[in-house]
Amino acid sequence: MKSTIQSHGLPAIRRGKITRPQKVVIYGPEGVGKSTLAGHAPDPVFLDTEGGTHHLDVARLDAATTWEEITATVTQLAKADHPFKTLVIDTADWLEKRLAEHLCRKSNKDSIEDFGYGKGWVILTEEFARFLTSLDSLTTRGIHLVFLAHSTVKKFEAPDQAGSYDRFELKLSKQVAPLLKEWADVVLFANYVTKVAEKDNGKMRGIGGKERVLFATHTAAYDAKNRHGLPDKLAFSIEALAPVFGDSKSPTPKVAPAAEPALSLTDRVFAAFQHKADMANVLDFLVARGQLSYTQEGPLESIDNLDPAYAARMLSDPDRFVATVKEWAAANQKEGTV
């Protein structure tokens, strides 16, 4: 609700929230489902810079193989009469690659490094900034902008701390990444939830890896931000982003505390047994009983794959199940197989 305030000789002053199209960045590992998620944004059309949407039933702008075609397409989208409400650029890292190819081709260079003394990166950053500014022609038409990007793990050294640590970041150059993050209203990190169990020998084992979530708040482990008061962790669904893409003609939907997603079977099993038994033994017991197995890639499949009836018996009498596991582990340890 906007209201006009007496300006006392100043330009007109208005109070209240201003609803406008959003500039969103969603990044994460390959295959996590970023494109599928963006396909549920309001009336989307894809600018597919890497040819990765062939498996999706979405509207796409075909002319996106060169920088010239990309910029021309954005100009046409801003002027043409069409029903689209969201432009999805898939992906930002390939967009940067197309720009680098364009600059090298125009200057007859083999690489952006061939410009010398970082000059190529300066030119690329300036051109990318101009491209972001050109997208204002779409937001003025009420079109949301969604950049998808891959993630990478980089070593980070905080200037106020000794030592370094790994963190997830946008898979972009160190010049373009901060530019895109600053431009965006929302930066979301999409990833799988993995739990870690420790065996008796001290080795760690990752399990799960099927549940996907969106992280909306910056931490030491990854970049993220939002201007909508979103919770730190969101369900991997477009409904969870209603405060971002909500209908501008209606109030922003409020998420009631009771609307939190139900716990997964993995979470329920950990909650029931992690303080009563060695979870590594629990997992080994489930493998021995043929309830879980290892995937072709190596990791143990998710506990969510347990037979529902078997899982129900486990959870209905936790003490009995823990006793069985401990008895089994003790017998195997005695035999020297653990």
Protein backbone atom coordinates (compact mmCIF):
# COMPACT_ATOMS: atom_id res chain seq x y z
CA MET A 1 0.00 0.00 0.00
CA LYS A 2 1.67 3.22 -1.14
CA SER A 3 0.91 6.67 0.22
CA THR A 4 2.09 10.18 -0.67
CA ILE A 5 3.98 12.15 1.99
CA GLN A 6 4.23 15.93 2.19
CA SER A 7 7.56 16.61 0.50
CA HIS A 8 8.46 20.04 1.99
CA GLY A 9 9.84 21.31 -1.31
CA LEU A 10 11.49 18.02 -2.20
CA PRO A 11 10.46 15.82 -5.14
CA ALA A 12 7.35 13.71 -4.47
CA ILE A 13 7.93 11.17 -1.69
CA ARG A 14 5.96 7.93 -1.47
CA ARG A 15 5.90 5.39 1.32
CA GLY A 16 5.25 1.66 0.97
CA LYS A 17 6.49 -1.43 -0.82
CA ILE A 18 6.95 -1.25 -4.57
CA THR A 19 6.06 -4.41 -6.44
CA ARG A 20 8.23 -5.01 -9.50
CA PRO A 21 9.58 -7.93 -11.54
CA GLN A 22 12.31 -9.87 -9.79
CA LYS A 23 15.90 -10.58 -10.79
CA VAL A 24 16.73 -14.09 -9.61
CA VAL A 25 19.84 -16.28 -9.77
CA ILE A 26 19.55 -20.02 -9.09
CA TYR A 27 22.78 -22.01 -9.13
CA GLY A 28 23.80 -25.52 -8.16
CA PRO A 29 25.45 -28.73 -9.37
CA GLU A 30 24.69 -30.17 -12.79
CA GLY A 31 21.51 -32.25 -12.88
CA VAL A 32 19.98 -30.95 -9.65
CA GLY A 33 16.90 -29.74 -11.56
CA LYS A 34 17.44 -25.99 -11.97
CA SER A 35 15.92 -25.85 -15.47
CA THR A 36 12.92 -27.95 -14.45
CA LEU A 37 12.28 -25.66 -11.48
CA ALA A 38 12.58 -22.52 -13.61
CA GLY A 39 10.16 -24.07 -16.09
CA HIS A 40 7.43 -23.59 -13.46
CA ALA A 41 8.06 -19.85 -13.09
CA PRO A 42 5.25 -17.55 -14.32
CA ASP A 43 4.83 -18.05 -18.11
CA PRO A 44 8.55 -18.64 -18.82
CA VAL A 45 10.50 -18.53 -22.05
CA PHE A 46 14.06 -19.91 -22.13
CA LEU A 47 17.13 -18.35 -23.67
CA ASP A 48 19.09 -21.61 -23.86
CA THR A 49 22.76 -20.69 -24.26
CA GLU A 50 24.08 -24.25 -23.83
CA GLY A 51 21.38 -26.41 -25.41
CA GLY A 52 20.42 -28.06 -22.14
CA THR A 53 16.62 -27.79 -22.26
CA HIS A 54 15.95 -30.30 -25.04
CA HIS A 55 14.37 -32.71 -22.52
CA LEU A 56 11.90 -30.11 -21.22
CA ASP A 57 8.53 -29.15 -22.66
CA VAL A 58 9.16 -25.40 -22.47
CA ALA A 59 9.04 -22.39 -24.76
CA ARG A 60 12.53 -21.45 -25.89
CA LEU A 61 14.17 -18.80 -28.05
CA ASP A 62 16.21 -20.72 -30.60
CA ALA A 63 18.59 -17.95 -31.68
CA ALA A 64 21.06 -18.13 -28.78
CA THR A 65 24.27 -19.62 -30.15
CA THR A 66 26.27 -16.38 -30.52
CA TRP A 67 26.50 -13.19 -28.47
CA GLU A 68 25.05 -11.17 -31.34
CA GLU A 69 22.00 -13.46 -31.50
CA ILE A 70 21.55 -13.34 -27.73
CA THR A 71 21.54 -9.54 -27.50
CA ALA A 72 19.31 -9.22 -30.58
CA THR A 73 16.85 -11.70 -29.08
CA VAL A 74 16.63 -9.72 -25.83
CA THR A 75 15.91 -6.55 -27.82
CA GLN A 76 13.16 -8.29 -29.80
CA LEU A 77 11.65 -9.76 -26.63
CA ALA A 78 11.45 -6.28 -25.12
CA LYS A 79 9.60 -4.89 -28.15
CA ALA A 80 7.41 -7.75 -29.40
CA ASP A 81 3.88 -8.53 -28.27
CA HIS A 82 4.00 -11.87 -26.42
CA PRO A 83 2.47 -13.66 -23.40
CA PHE A 84 5.70 -14.42 -21.51
CA LYS A 85 6.21 -13.15 -17.97
CA THR A 86 9.64 -14.66 -17.19
CA LEU A 87 12.86 -14.84 -19.19
CA VAL A 88 15.07 -17.74 -18.09
CA ILE A 89 18.72 -17.51 -19.15
CA ASP A 90 20.13 -21.03 -19.02
CA THR A 91 22.99 -20.73 -18.11
CA ALA A 92 24.97 -17.69 -16.93
CA ASP A 93 28.32 -19.49 -17.22
CA TRP A 94 27.63 -20.35 -20.85
CA LEU A 95 26.45 -16.78 -21.44
CA GLU A 96 29.84 -15.57 -20.24
CA LYS A 97 31.49 -18.11 -22.53
CA ARG A 98 29.51 -16.80 -25.53
CA LEU A 99 30.60 -13.25 -24.67
CA ALA A 100 34.26 -14.28 -24.43
CA GLU A 101 33.99 -16.01 -27.82
CA HIS A 102 32.45 -12.84 -29.30
CA LEU A 103 35.18 -10.55 -27.94
CA CYS A 104 37.97 -12.85 -29.12
CA ARG A 105 36.44 -13.23 -32.57
CA LYS A 106 35.97 -9.47 -32.93
CA SER A 107 39.60 -8.76 -31.95
CA ASN A 108 41.09 -11.80 -33.68
CA LYS A 109 42.28 -13.36 -30.43
CA ASP A 110 42.47 -17.03 -29.50
CA SER A 111 41.77 -16.43 -25.82
CA ILE A 112 40.53 -13.70 -23.50
CA GLU A 113 43.99 -13.84 -21.91
CA ASP A 114 45.58 -12.82 -25.22
CA PHE A 115 44.46 -9.21 -24.72
CA GLY A 116 47.26 -8.91 -22.18
CA TYR A 117 47.59 -7.72 -18.57
CA GLY A 118 43.97 -8.51 -17.67
CA LYS A 119 42.64 -6.14 -20.32
CA GLY A 120 40.43 -8.84 -21.83
CA TRP A 121 38.70 -9.46 -18.49
CA VAL A 122 38.10 -5.73 -18.05
CA ILE A 123 36.45 -5.53 -21.48
CA LEU A 124 34.39 -8.67 -20.80
CA THR A 125 33.17 -7.37 -17.42
CA GLU A 126 32.16 -4.02 -18.89
CA GLU A 127 30.25 -5.72 -21.71
CA PHE A 128 28.52 -8.11 -19.29
CA ALA A 129 27.49 -5.13 -17.13
CA ARG A 130 25.99 -3.44 -20.20
CA PHE A 131 24.06 -6.63 -20.96
CA LEU A 132 22.59 -6.67 -17.44
CA THR A 133 21.58 -3.03 -17.85
CA SER A 134 19.91 -3.85 -21.19
CA LEU A 135 17.64 -6.30 -19.36
CA ASP A 136 15.93 -3.30 -17.75
CA SER A 137 13.95 -3.07 -20.99
CA LEU A 138 12.30 -6.35 -19.96
CA THR A 139 11.63 -5.53 -16.32
CA THR A 140 9.91 -2.30 -17.37
CA ARG A 141 7.50 -4.54 -19.28
CA GLY A 142 6.78 -6.56 -16.15
CA ILE A 143 8.99 -9.55 -17.05
CA HIS A 144 10.85 -11.47 -14.34
CA LEU A 145 14.48 -12.39 -15.05
CA VAL A 146 15.92 -15.74 -13.94
CA PHE A 147 19.58 -16.65 -14.45
CA LEU A 148 20.49 -20.31 -13.98
CA ALA A 149 24.11 -21.23 -13.34
CA HIS A 150 26.31 -24.15 -12.40
CA SER A 151 28.18 -24.24 -9.11
CA THR A 152 31.81 -24.96 -8.42
CA VAL A 153 33.82 -25.53 -5.24
CA LYS A 154 36.56 -22.97 -4.65
CA LYS A 155 39.09 -22.38 -1.91
CA PHE A 156 38.17 -19.28 0.07
CA GLU A 157 40.49 -17.28 2.29
CA ALA A 158 38.75 -14.83 4.62
CA PRO A 159 40.87 -11.68 5.06
CA ASP A 160 40.19 -11.60 8.82
CA GLN A 161 41.00 -15.26 9.48
CA ALA A 162 44.00 -17.53 9.21
CA GLY A 163 43.60 -20.51 6.90
CA SER A 164 41.17 -21.27 4.11
CA TYR A 165 38.15 -23.48 3.44
CA ASP A 166 36.11 -24.80 0.52
CA ARG A 167 32.80 -23.23 -0.44
CA PHE A 168 30.26 -23.44 -3.27
CA GLU A 169 30.31 -20.47 -5.63
CA LEU A 170 28.93 -19.48 -9.02
CA LYS A 171 30.85 -21.11 -11.86
CA LEU A 172 31.78 -17.74 -13.32
CA SER A 173 34.95 -15.71 -13.57
CA LYS A 174 36.01 -13.78 -10.48
CA GLN A 175 35.13 -10.59 -12.39
CA VAL A 176 31.58 -11.51 -13.49
CA ALA A 177 30.37 -13.51 -10.45
CA PRO A 178 30.19 -10.54 -8.03
CA LEU A 179 28.59 -8.43 -10.76
CA LEU A 180 25.72 -10.90 -11.20
CA LYS A 181 25.24 -11.41 -7.45
CA GLU A 182 25.03 -7.67 -6.82
CA TRP A 183 22.56 -7.22 -9.69
CA ALA A 184 20.19 -9.91 -8.43
CA ASP A 185 17.40 -9.47 -5.91
CA VAL A 186 17.55 -13.16 -5.01
CA VAL A 187 20.43 -15.65 -5.17
CA LEU A 188 19.48 -19.24 -4.37
CA PHE A 189 21.81 -22.20 -4.00
CA ALA A 190 20.21 -25.50 -5.07
CA ASN A 191 21.71 -28.73 -3.78
CA TYR A 192 21.07 -32.23 -2.52
CA VAL A 193 20.82 -32.95 1.21
CA THR A 194 23.48 -35.42 2.30
CA LYS A 195 23.84 -36.84 5.79
CA VAL A 196 27.12 -38.15 7.15
CA ALA A 197 27.46 -41.21 9.38
CA GLU A 198 30.67 -42.21 11.16
CA LYS A 199 31.78 -45.82 11.38
CA ASP A 200 33.61 -47.33 14.35
CA ASN A 201 36.92 -47.01 12.48
CA GLY A 202 36.44 -43.23 12.25
CA LYS A 203 35.72 -43.17 8.53
CA MET A 204 32.83 -41.02 7.36
CA ARG A 205 30.13 -42.21 4.97
CA GLY A 206 27.76 -39.95 3.06
CA ILE A 207 24.23 -41.23 2.62
CA GLY A 208 21.04 -39.92 1.10
CA GLY A 209 21.56 -37.35 -1.62
CA LYS A 210 18.07 -37.56 -3.15
CA GLU A 211 16.26 -34.75 -1.33
CA ARG A 212 16.78 -31.35 -2.97
CA VAL A 213 16.49 -27.98 -1.26
CA LEU A 214 17.05 -24.29 -1.96
CA PHE A 215 19.27 -22.27 0.36
CA ALA A 216 18.37 -18.57 0.55
CA THR A 217 20.77 -17.15 3.15
CA HIS A 218 24.53 -16.63 2.88
CA THR A 219 26.75 -18.95 4.91
CA ALA A 220 30.43 -19.84 4.91
CA ALA A 221 29.60 -22.88 2.75
CA TYR A 222 27.83 -21.09 -0.12
CA ASP A 223 26.67 -17.75 -1.53
CA ALA A 224 22.99 -16.85 -1.23
CA LYS A 225 20.81 -13.83 -0.52
CA ASN A 226 17.23 -12.62 -0.72
CA ARG A 227 15.25 -9.46 -0.09
CA HIS A 228 12.00 -11.18 0.80
CA GLY A 229 12.66 -12.53 4.28
CA LEU A 230 12.72 -16.12 3.00
CA PRO A 231 13.71 -18.87 5.45
CA ASP A 232 17.28 -20.17 5.29
CA LYS A 233 16.18 -23.43 3.60
CA LEU A 234 13.27 -23.86 1.17
CA ALA A 235 11.55 -26.82 -0.41
CA PHE A 236 12.69 -27.41 -4.00
CA SER A 237 9.46 -26.17 -5.55
CA ILE A 238 8.12 -23.07 -7.26
CA GLU A 239 5.44 -22.83 -4.53
CA ALA A 240 8.21 -22.11 -2.01
CA LEU A 241 9.12 -19.07 -4.13
CA ALA A 242 5.63 -17.55 -4.02
CA PRO A 243 6.93 -14.49 -2.10
CA VAL A 244 9.32 -13.88 -5.00
CA PHE A 245 7.08 -14.55 -8.01
CA GLY A 246 3.76 -13.84 -6.29
CA ASP A 247 0.97 -12.14 -8.22
CA SER A 248 1.60 -8.40 -7.99
CA LYS A 249 -2.16 -7.82 -7.80
CA SER A 250 -2.58 -9.80 -4.61
CA PRO A 251 -0.85 -9.76 -1.22
CA THR A 252 2.30 -11.84 -0.89
CA PRO A 253 1.29 -15.26 0.41
CA LYS A 254 2.30 -15.91 4.01
CA VAL A 255 3.66 -19.33 4.86
CA ALA A 256 2.19 -20.63 8.08
CA PRO A 257 4.58 -22.47 10.42
CA ALA A 258 2.45 -25.61 10.10
CA ALA A 259 3.05 -25.67 6.35
CA GLU A 260 6.60 -26.98 6.73
CA PRO A 261 7.23 -30.12 4.63
CA ALA A 262 6.92 -33.46 6.38
CA LEU A 263 10.14 -35.11 7.49
CA SER A 264 11.63 -37.53 4.99
CA LEU A 265 12.10 -41.17 5.97
CA THR A 266 15.85 -40.54 6.24
CA ASP A 267 15.25 -37.73 8.76
CA ARG A 268 12.82 -39.88 10.76
CA VAL A 269 15.26 -42.80 10.94
CA PHE A 270 18.11 -40.55 12.07
CA ALA A 271 15.88 -38.89 14.67
CA ALA A 272 14.81 -42.29 16.02
CA PHE A 273 18.18 -44.04 16.18
CA GLN A 274 21.15 -41.67 16.04
CA HIS A 275 21.26 -41.21 19.83
CA LYS A 276 20.58 -44.87 20.57
CA ALA A 277 22.87 -46.70 18.17
CA ASP A 278 25.90 -46.25 15.91
CA MET A 279 24.28 -45.11 12.66
CA ALA A 280 27.06 -46.76 10.65
CA ASN A 281 26.04 -50.09 12.21
CA VAL A 282 22.40 -49.36 11.44
CA LEU A 283 23.28 -48.78 7.79
CA ASP A 284 25.45 -51.91 7.59
CA PHE A 285 22.65 -53.92 9.18
CA LEU A 286 20.14 -52.66 6.57
CA VAL A 287 22.58 -53.59 3.80
CA ALA A 288 23.11 -57.05 5.30
CA ARG A 289 19.35 -57.55 5.42
CA GLY A 290 19.04 -56.56 1.75
CA GLN A 291 17.02 -53.45 2.56
CA LEU A 292 19.61 -51.05 1.12
CA SER A 293 22.31 -51.45 -1.50
CA TYR A 294 25.10 -49.47 -3.10
CA THR A 295 24.52 -47.58 -6.34
CA GLN A 296 26.62 -48.01 -9.48
CA GLU A 297 28.40 -44.76 -8.63
CA GLY A 298 29.39 -46.11 -5.22
CA PRO A 299 27.35 -44.22 -2.58
CA LEU A 300 24.78 -45.98 -0.47
CA GLU A 301 21.25 -45.43 -1.74
CA SER A 302 18.93 -43.22 0.27
CA ILE A 303 17.14 -44.54 3.35
CA ASP A 304 14.03 -43.14 1.65
CA ASN A 305 14.20 -46.25 -0.56
CA LEU A 306 13.47 -48.61 2.34
CA ASP A 307 10.44 -50.84 1.98
CA PRO A 308 7.61 -48.87 3.69
CA ALA A 309 6.42 -51.88 5.67
CA TYR A 310 9.95 -52.64 6.92
CA ALA A 311 10.50 -48.99 7.84
CA ALA A 312 7.20 -48.93 9.74
CA ARG A 313 8.28 -51.94 11.81
CA MET A 314 11.62 -50.29 12.58
CA LEU A 315 10.03 -47.08 13.78
CA SER A 316 7.17 -48.71 15.69
CA ASP A 317 9.57 -50.32 18.20
CA PRO A 318 12.91 -48.45 18.16
CA ASP A 319 14.33 -50.17 21.26
CA ARG A 320 13.80 -53.62 19.81
CA PHE A 321 15.36 -52.64 16.51
CA VAL A 322 18.39 -51.05 18.24
CA ALA A 323 18.88 -54.19 20.33
CA THR A 324 18.82 -56.33 17.17
CA VAL A 325 21.37 -54.09 15.48
CA LYS A 326 23.70 -54.13 18.47
CA GLU A 327 23.47 -57.91 18.74
CA TRP A 328 24.24 -58.25 15.03
CA ALA A 329 27.17 -55.80 15.22
CA ALA A 330 28.65 -57.55 18.26
CA ALA A 331 28.46 -60.94 16.54
CA ASN A 332 30.10 -59.64 13.38
CA GLN A 333 32.81 -57.82 15.34
CA LYS A 334 33.57 -61.02 17.22
CA GLU A 335 33.96 -62.83 13.91
CA GLY A 336 36.31 -60.10 12.67
CA THR A 337 34.05 -59.00 9.82
CA VAL A 338 33.48 -55.45 11.05
